[in-house]
Amino acid sequence: MFLTVGFLVLSPMVMAQGKDLHEASCLQCHASLTGGKPTSLYTRADRKVTTLASLQQRVKGCAIAADANWTDAERESVVQYLRTAFYGF
């Protein structure tokens, strides 16, 4: 099974990788920023990320801050996971 996002076809493996990387590198910091509700950053009414380009930029900046040392492909898997799971654009 594959998920189509625009013209990009995402395999379940890519989505799982993005989710795993996100959970390992992002949730602890996000939880500290949101009183223990890490995914609320993505679902709040005044969220800062509203486009794919802004999501890509935010993930890149957060990866640097978290010292994640992801490859470009890994970073893109996180972007696509977040895009699909939370943003819907």
Protein backbone atom coordinates (compact mmCIF):
# COMPACT_ATOMS: atom_id res chain seq x y z
CA MET A 1 0.00 0.00 0.00
CA PHE A 2 1.22 3.48 -0.88
CA LEU A 3 -0.01 6.94 0.05
CA THR A 4 -0.10 9.58 -2.66
CA VAL A 5 0.59 13.16 -1.59
CA GLY A 6 0.40 15.48 -4.57
CA PHE A 7 2.65 13.78 -7.07
CA LEU A 8 4.75 12.12 -4.39
CA VAL A 9 4.08 8.50 -3.54
CA LEU A 10 4.98 7.65 0.03
CA SER A 11 5.58 4.11 1.11
CA PRO A 12 4.57 2.91 4.55
CA MET A 13 8.28 2.44 5.26
CA VAL A 14 9.04 6.12 4.58
CA MET A 15 6.11 7.18 6.76
CA ALA A 16 7.22 4.84 9.57
CA GLN A 17 10.76 6.15 9.34
CA GLY A 18 9.52 9.74 9.56
CA LYS A 19 7.38 8.92 12.58
CA ASP A 20 10.23 7.10 14.34
CA LEU A 21 12.72 9.91 13.70
CA HIS A 22 10.19 12.48 14.89
CA GLU A 23 9.45 10.56 18.07
CA ALA A 24 13.14 10.01 18.84
CA SER A 25 14.33 13.56 18.17
CA CYS A 26 11.42 15.97 18.52
CA LEU A 27 8.84 14.94 21.09
CA GLN A 28 10.89 15.57 24.22
CA CYS A 29 11.56 19.20 23.30
CA HIS A 30 8.02 19.77 22.07
CA ALA A 31 6.64 18.32 25.30
CA SER A 32 8.75 20.75 27.31
CA LEU A 33 7.36 23.64 25.25
CA THR A 34 3.73 22.60 25.57
CA GLY A 35 3.31 21.30 29.09
CA GLY A 36 3.54 17.67 28.09
CA LYS A 37 1.41 17.81 24.93
CA PRO A 38 4.03 17.63 22.16
CA THR A 39 1.75 17.27 19.16
CA SER A 40 -0.34 20.26 20.19
CA LEU A 41 2.19 22.41 18.32
CA TYR A 42 0.76 20.99 15.12
CA THR A 43 -2.91 21.25 15.99
CA ARG A 44 -3.20 24.60 17.79
CA ALA A 45 -5.35 27.28 16.18
CA ASP A 46 -2.45 29.73 15.82
CA ARG A 47 0.10 27.26 14.45
CA LYS A 48 3.02 28.86 12.66
CA VAL A 49 3.39 26.29 9.88
CA THR A 50 0.80 26.75 7.15
CA THR A 51 2.56 25.63 3.95
CA LEU A 52 4.80 22.79 2.83
CA ALA A 53 7.70 25.22 2.41
CA SER A 54 7.29 26.52 5.97
CA LEU A 55 7.09 22.95 7.28
CA GLN A 56 10.29 22.00 5.47
CA GLN A 57 12.04 25.08 6.88
CA ARG A 58 10.77 24.42 10.42
CA VAL A 59 11.84 20.75 10.36
CA LYS A 60 15.27 21.75 9.07
CA GLY A 61 15.69 24.30 11.87
CA CYS A 62 14.39 21.96 14.55
CA ALA A 63 16.68 19.16 13.37
CA ILE A 64 19.65 21.48 13.78
CA ALA A 65 18.47 22.58 17.24
CA ALA A 66 17.96 18.95 18.27
CA ASP A 67 21.33 17.95 16.82
CA ALA A 68 19.47 15.24 14.89
CA ASN A 69 22.10 14.92 12.13
CA TRP A 70 19.53 13.56 9.65
CA THR A 71 20.23 13.00 5.99
CA ASP A 72 18.15 15.00 3.51
CA ALA A 73 16.03 11.88 2.88
CA GLU A 74 15.46 11.34 6.60
CA ARG A 75 14.48 14.96 7.09
CA GLU A 76 12.06 14.71 4.17
CA SER A 77 10.52 11.58 5.68
CA VAL A 78 9.80 13.58 8.85
CA VAL A 79 8.30 16.38 6.77
CA GLN A 80 6.06 13.95 4.93
CA TYR A 81 5.02 12.20 8.15
CA LEU A 82 4.04 15.54 9.74
CA ARG A 83 2.37 16.74 6.56
CA THR A 84 0.23 13.64 6.35
CA ALA A 85 -0.45 13.07 10.06
CA PHE A 86 -1.14 16.66 11.13
CA TYR A 87 -1.17 19.32 8.42
CA GLY A 88 -3.03 17.90 5.43
CA PHE A 89 -1.48 20.21 2.83
